[in-house]
N, C-alpha and C. Protein backbone atom coordinates (compact mmCIF):
# COMPACT_ATOMS: atom_id res chain seq x y z
N MET A 1 15.33 3.72 -8.32
CA MET A 1 13.94 3.34 -8.24
C MET A 1 13.06 4.59 -8.08
N THR A 2 12.14 4.82 -8.98
CA THR A 2 11.27 6.00 -8.92
C THR A 2 10.09 5.78 -7.96
N SER A 3 9.38 6.84 -7.67
CA SER A 3 8.23 6.76 -6.78
C SER A 3 7.17 5.82 -7.34
N TYR A 4 7.02 5.81 -8.68
CA TYR A 4 6.00 4.94 -9.28
C TYR A 4 6.44 3.48 -9.30
N ASP A 5 7.75 3.20 -9.14
CA ASP A 5 8.22 1.82 -9.00
C ASP A 5 7.99 1.31 -7.58
N ILE A 6 8.01 2.23 -6.61
CA ILE A 6 7.84 1.87 -5.21
C ILE A 6 6.38 1.58 -4.92
N ILE A 7 5.47 2.49 -5.28
CA ILE A 7 4.04 2.30 -5.04
C ILE A 7 3.48 1.54 -6.25
N ARG A 8 3.10 0.29 -6.06
CA ARG A 8 2.64 -0.54 -7.16
C ARG A 8 1.18 -0.30 -7.47
N LYS A 9 0.32 -0.46 -6.45
CA LYS A 9 -1.14 -0.27 -6.66
C LYS A 9 -1.81 -0.11 -5.31
N PRO A 10 -2.99 0.52 -5.30
CA PRO A 10 -3.74 0.61 -4.04
C PRO A 10 -4.44 -0.72 -3.76
N ILE A 11 -4.67 -1.01 -2.48
CA ILE A 11 -5.38 -2.22 -2.09
C ILE A 11 -6.78 -1.78 -1.68
N ILE A 12 -7.75 -2.28 -2.40
CA ILE A 12 -9.15 -1.89 -2.19
C ILE A 12 -9.92 -3.06 -1.66
N THR A 13 -10.03 -3.15 -0.33
CA THR A 13 -10.80 -4.21 0.31
C THR A 13 -11.71 -3.54 1.34
N GLU A 14 -12.61 -4.30 1.89
CA GLU A 14 -13.53 -3.75 2.87
C GLU A 14 -12.76 -3.23 4.08
N LYS A 15 -11.79 -3.97 4.53
CA LYS A 15 -10.99 -3.56 5.71
C LYS A 15 -10.16 -2.31 5.41
N SER A 16 -9.55 -2.22 4.24
CA SER A 16 -8.75 -1.05 3.92
C SER A 16 -9.61 0.19 3.72
N MET A 17 -10.83 -0.02 3.23
CA MET A 17 -11.71 1.13 3.02
C MET A 17 -12.22 1.70 4.35
N SER A 18 -12.32 0.87 5.39
CA SER A 18 -12.77 1.36 6.67
C SER A 18 -11.71 2.26 7.33
N GLY A 19 -10.47 2.14 6.92
CA GLY A 19 -9.41 2.97 7.47
C GLY A 19 -9.33 4.34 6.87
N ILE A 20 -10.02 4.59 5.78
CA ILE A 20 -9.95 5.90 5.12
C ILE A 20 -10.49 7.02 6.00
N ALA A 21 -11.46 6.76 6.85
CA ALA A 21 -12.00 7.74 7.77
C ALA A 21 -10.92 8.23 8.73
N ASP A 22 -9.97 7.38 9.06
CA ASP A 22 -8.86 7.72 9.96
C ASP A 22 -7.62 8.18 9.18
N LYS A 23 -7.78 8.42 7.88
CA LYS A 23 -6.68 8.81 6.97
C LYS A 23 -5.59 7.75 6.89
N LYS A 24 -6.05 6.47 6.80
CA LYS A 24 -5.12 5.37 6.63
C LYS A 24 -5.40 4.75 5.26
N TYR A 25 -4.35 4.71 4.42
CA TYR A 25 -4.46 4.20 3.07
C TYR A 25 -3.51 3.02 2.88
N THR A 26 -3.96 1.99 2.15
CA THR A 26 -3.19 0.76 1.96
C THR A 26 -2.74 0.62 0.53
N PHE A 27 -1.45 0.29 0.36
CA PHE A 27 -0.88 0.12 -0.95
C PHE A 27 -0.04 -1.14 -1.02
N GLU A 28 0.07 -1.74 -2.23
CA GLU A 28 1.06 -2.76 -2.47
C GLU A 28 2.29 -2.02 -2.91
N VAL A 29 3.42 -2.35 -2.31
CA VAL A 29 4.67 -1.63 -2.60
C VAL A 29 5.77 -2.60 -3.03
N ALA A 30 6.86 -2.07 -3.52
CA ALA A 30 8.00 -2.91 -3.91
C ALA A 30 8.56 -3.61 -2.65
N ILE A 31 8.91 -4.86 -2.81
CA ILE A 31 9.28 -5.66 -1.64
C ILE A 31 10.62 -5.18 -1.03
N LYS A 32 11.45 -4.52 -1.81
CA LYS A 32 12.73 -4.01 -1.30
C LYS A 32 12.66 -2.60 -0.77
N ALA A 33 11.52 -1.94 -0.87
CA ALA A 33 11.35 -0.56 -0.44
C ALA A 33 11.26 -0.50 1.07
N ASN A 34 11.94 0.50 1.66
CA ASN A 34 11.84 0.67 3.12
C ASN A 34 10.82 1.75 3.46
N LYS A 35 10.54 1.98 4.74
CA LYS A 35 9.51 2.89 5.16
C LYS A 35 9.78 4.33 4.73
N LEU A 36 11.03 4.76 4.75
CA LEU A 36 11.36 6.11 4.36
C LEU A 36 11.11 6.33 2.85
N GLN A 37 11.48 5.34 2.05
CA GLN A 37 11.24 5.42 0.61
C GLN A 37 9.73 5.45 0.30
N ILE A 38 8.96 4.63 1.03
CA ILE A 38 7.50 4.61 0.84
C ILE A 38 6.89 5.96 1.19
N LYS A 39 7.33 6.53 2.31
CA LYS A 39 6.83 7.84 2.77
C LYS A 39 7.11 8.92 1.71
N GLN A 40 8.35 8.97 1.22
CA GLN A 40 8.71 9.95 0.22
C GLN A 40 7.93 9.77 -1.08
N ALA A 41 7.70 8.53 -1.49
CA ALA A 41 6.97 8.21 -2.72
C ALA A 41 5.52 8.66 -2.62
N VAL A 42 4.86 8.39 -1.50
CA VAL A 42 3.44 8.77 -1.31
C VAL A 42 3.33 10.30 -1.29
N GLU A 43 4.25 10.98 -0.59
CA GLU A 43 4.24 12.44 -0.53
C GLU A 43 4.46 13.05 -1.91
N GLU A 44 5.33 12.46 -2.72
CA GLU A 44 5.62 12.99 -4.04
C GLU A 44 4.44 12.73 -5.00
N ILE A 45 3.91 11.54 -5.02
CA ILE A 45 2.85 11.19 -5.99
C ILE A 45 1.54 11.91 -5.69
N PHE A 46 1.11 11.89 -4.42
CA PHE A 46 -0.21 12.39 -4.05
C PHE A 46 -0.21 13.78 -3.43
N GLY A 47 0.98 14.34 -3.11
CA GLY A 47 1.05 15.68 -2.55
C GLY A 47 0.43 15.80 -1.15
N VAL A 48 0.68 14.82 -0.32
CA VAL A 48 0.12 14.81 1.05
C VAL A 48 1.28 14.74 2.05
N LYS A 49 0.94 14.90 3.35
CA LYS A 49 1.93 14.79 4.42
C LYS A 49 1.71 13.48 5.15
N VAL A 50 2.75 12.62 5.18
CA VAL A 50 2.65 11.31 5.79
C VAL A 50 3.13 11.39 7.24
N ASP A 51 2.36 10.79 8.13
CA ASP A 51 2.71 10.75 9.56
C ASP A 51 3.45 9.46 9.89
N LYS A 52 2.92 8.33 9.42
CA LYS A 52 3.46 7.02 9.79
C LYS A 52 3.29 6.02 8.67
N VAL A 53 4.21 5.07 8.57
CA VAL A 53 4.11 3.99 7.60
C VAL A 53 4.31 2.67 8.32
N SER A 54 3.36 1.73 8.14
CA SER A 54 3.49 0.39 8.68
C SER A 54 3.57 -0.57 7.50
N THR A 55 4.51 -1.52 7.58
CA THR A 55 4.68 -2.45 6.46
C THR A 55 4.52 -3.87 6.94
N GLN A 56 4.18 -4.76 6.00
CA GLN A 56 4.00 -6.16 6.28
C GLN A 56 4.34 -6.95 5.02
N ILE A 57 5.12 -8.02 5.19
CA ILE A 57 5.37 -8.95 4.08
C ILE A 57 4.26 -9.97 4.06
N VAL A 58 3.57 -10.08 2.91
CA VAL A 58 2.47 -11.05 2.78
C VAL A 58 3.03 -12.24 2.01
N MET A 59 2.97 -13.41 2.63
CA MET A 59 3.51 -14.60 1.99
C MET A 59 2.56 -15.11 0.92
N GLY A 60 3.13 -15.50 -0.21
CA GLY A 60 2.30 -16.04 -1.32
C GLY A 60 1.73 -17.40 -0.99
N LYS A 61 0.57 -17.66 -1.51
CA LYS A 61 -0.11 -18.94 -1.22
C LYS A 61 0.46 -20.05 -2.12
N ASN A 62 0.42 -21.28 -1.57
CA ASN A 62 0.76 -22.44 -2.37
C ASN A 62 -0.49 -22.83 -3.17
N LYS A 63 -0.34 -23.01 -4.45
CA LYS A 63 -1.45 -23.34 -5.31
C LYS A 63 -1.11 -24.59 -6.10
N ARG A 64 -2.15 -25.34 -6.52
CA ARG A 64 -1.92 -26.47 -7.38
C ARG A 64 -3.02 -26.57 -8.42
N MET A 65 -2.64 -27.07 -9.59
CA MET A 65 -3.59 -27.27 -10.66
C MET A 65 -3.34 -28.68 -11.17
N GLY A 66 -4.12 -29.61 -10.71
CA GLY A 66 -3.88 -31.00 -11.06
C GLY A 66 -2.65 -31.51 -10.31
N ALA A 67 -1.67 -32.03 -11.09
CA ALA A 67 -0.45 -32.54 -10.47
C ALA A 67 0.59 -31.47 -10.29
N ASN A 68 0.38 -30.30 -10.96
CA ASN A 68 1.36 -29.23 -10.91
C ASN A 68 1.19 -28.41 -9.65
N GLU A 69 2.32 -28.15 -8.97
CA GLU A 69 2.27 -27.35 -7.75
C GLU A 69 3.11 -26.10 -7.97
N GLY A 70 2.68 -24.99 -7.40
CA GLY A 70 3.45 -23.76 -7.51
C GLY A 70 3.15 -22.86 -6.35
N LYS A 71 3.78 -21.69 -6.35
CA LYS A 71 3.60 -20.76 -5.25
C LYS A 71 3.46 -19.37 -5.84
N ARG A 72 2.48 -18.61 -5.33
CA ARG A 72 2.35 -17.21 -5.73
C ARG A 72 3.48 -16.42 -5.12
N ALA A 73 3.80 -15.29 -5.71
CA ALA A 73 4.92 -14.48 -5.24
C ALA A 73 4.59 -13.81 -3.91
N ASP A 74 5.59 -13.63 -3.04
CA ASP A 74 5.42 -12.84 -1.84
C ASP A 74 5.34 -11.38 -2.23
N TRP A 75 4.65 -10.58 -1.41
CA TRP A 75 4.53 -9.16 -1.74
C TRP A 75 4.49 -8.35 -0.42
N LYS A 76 4.68 -7.06 -0.54
CA LYS A 76 4.75 -6.18 0.62
C LYS A 76 3.56 -5.22 0.63
N LYS A 77 2.95 -5.10 1.80
CA LYS A 77 1.78 -4.22 1.98
C LYS A 77 2.23 -3.08 2.91
N ALA A 78 1.80 -1.84 2.55
CA ALA A 78 2.12 -0.68 3.40
C ALA A 78 0.83 0.03 3.75
N VAL A 79 0.66 0.31 5.06
CA VAL A 79 -0.48 1.12 5.52
C VAL A 79 0.09 2.50 5.86
N VAL A 80 -0.35 3.49 5.14
CA VAL A 80 0.19 4.84 5.26
C VAL A 80 -0.82 5.71 6.02
N THR A 81 -0.43 6.28 7.14
CA THR A 81 -1.25 7.17 7.92
C THR A 81 -0.86 8.60 7.63
N LEU A 82 -1.84 9.44 7.24
CA LEU A 82 -1.55 10.84 6.93
C LEU A 82 -1.67 11.69 8.18
N LYS A 83 -1.00 12.84 8.19
CA LYS A 83 -1.09 13.78 9.31
C LYS A 83 -2.51 14.36 9.35
N SER A 84 -2.94 14.83 10.52
CA SER A 84 -4.31 15.32 10.67
C SER A 84 -4.56 16.58 9.86
N ASP A 85 -3.53 17.40 9.60
CA ASP A 85 -3.72 18.63 8.82
C ASP A 85 -3.49 18.41 7.33
N SER A 86 -3.21 17.20 6.91
CA SER A 86 -2.99 16.89 5.49
C SER A 86 -4.31 16.70 4.74
N LYS A 87 -4.28 16.98 3.45
CA LYS A 87 -5.46 16.70 2.62
C LYS A 87 -5.59 15.21 2.38
N THR A 88 -6.74 14.78 1.91
CA THR A 88 -6.94 13.37 1.63
C THR A 88 -6.43 13.01 0.23
N ILE A 89 -6.32 11.74 -0.05
CA ILE A 89 -5.90 11.28 -1.40
C ILE A 89 -7.14 11.22 -2.28
N ALA A 90 -7.16 11.97 -3.33
CA ALA A 90 -8.36 12.13 -4.17
C ALA A 90 -8.79 10.81 -4.81
N PHE A 91 -7.87 9.91 -5.09
CA PHE A 91 -8.17 8.63 -5.73
C PHE A 91 -9.20 7.85 -4.91
N PHE A 92 -9.10 7.91 -3.59
CA PHE A 92 -9.96 7.10 -2.72
C PHE A 92 -11.25 7.81 -2.32
N ASP A 93 -11.43 9.09 -2.65
CA ASP A 93 -12.57 9.87 -2.15
C ASP A 93 -13.93 9.30 -2.54
N GLY A 94 -14.10 8.86 -3.77
CA GLY A 94 -15.37 8.37 -4.23
C GLY A 94 -15.69 6.96 -3.76
N MET A 95 -14.76 6.27 -3.15
CA MET A 95 -14.95 4.86 -2.81
C MET A 95 -15.49 4.65 -1.38
N ALA A 96 -15.20 5.52 -0.49
CA ALA A 96 -15.56 5.31 0.89
C ALA A 96 -16.98 5.62 1.19
């Protein structure tokens, strides 16, 4: 599994944007990835120093369309905190 397979996409919400001032960035990650793999992937892709990684499994919602019922897929969210002497992630700079 490569670093780009582990980090799927950034999560851009009002709550995740408020964490950028504290050097906390939120990503959707592969559901089987562990904290060490996530840390190494973020350091490799963005060239930063990671201090801490917090993960959470987000359960998919039950949805229905008429008589058909289904469920959205479960996914994993990771909040990555950078070290105080690390540079910021350039992708998020213009958004905050």
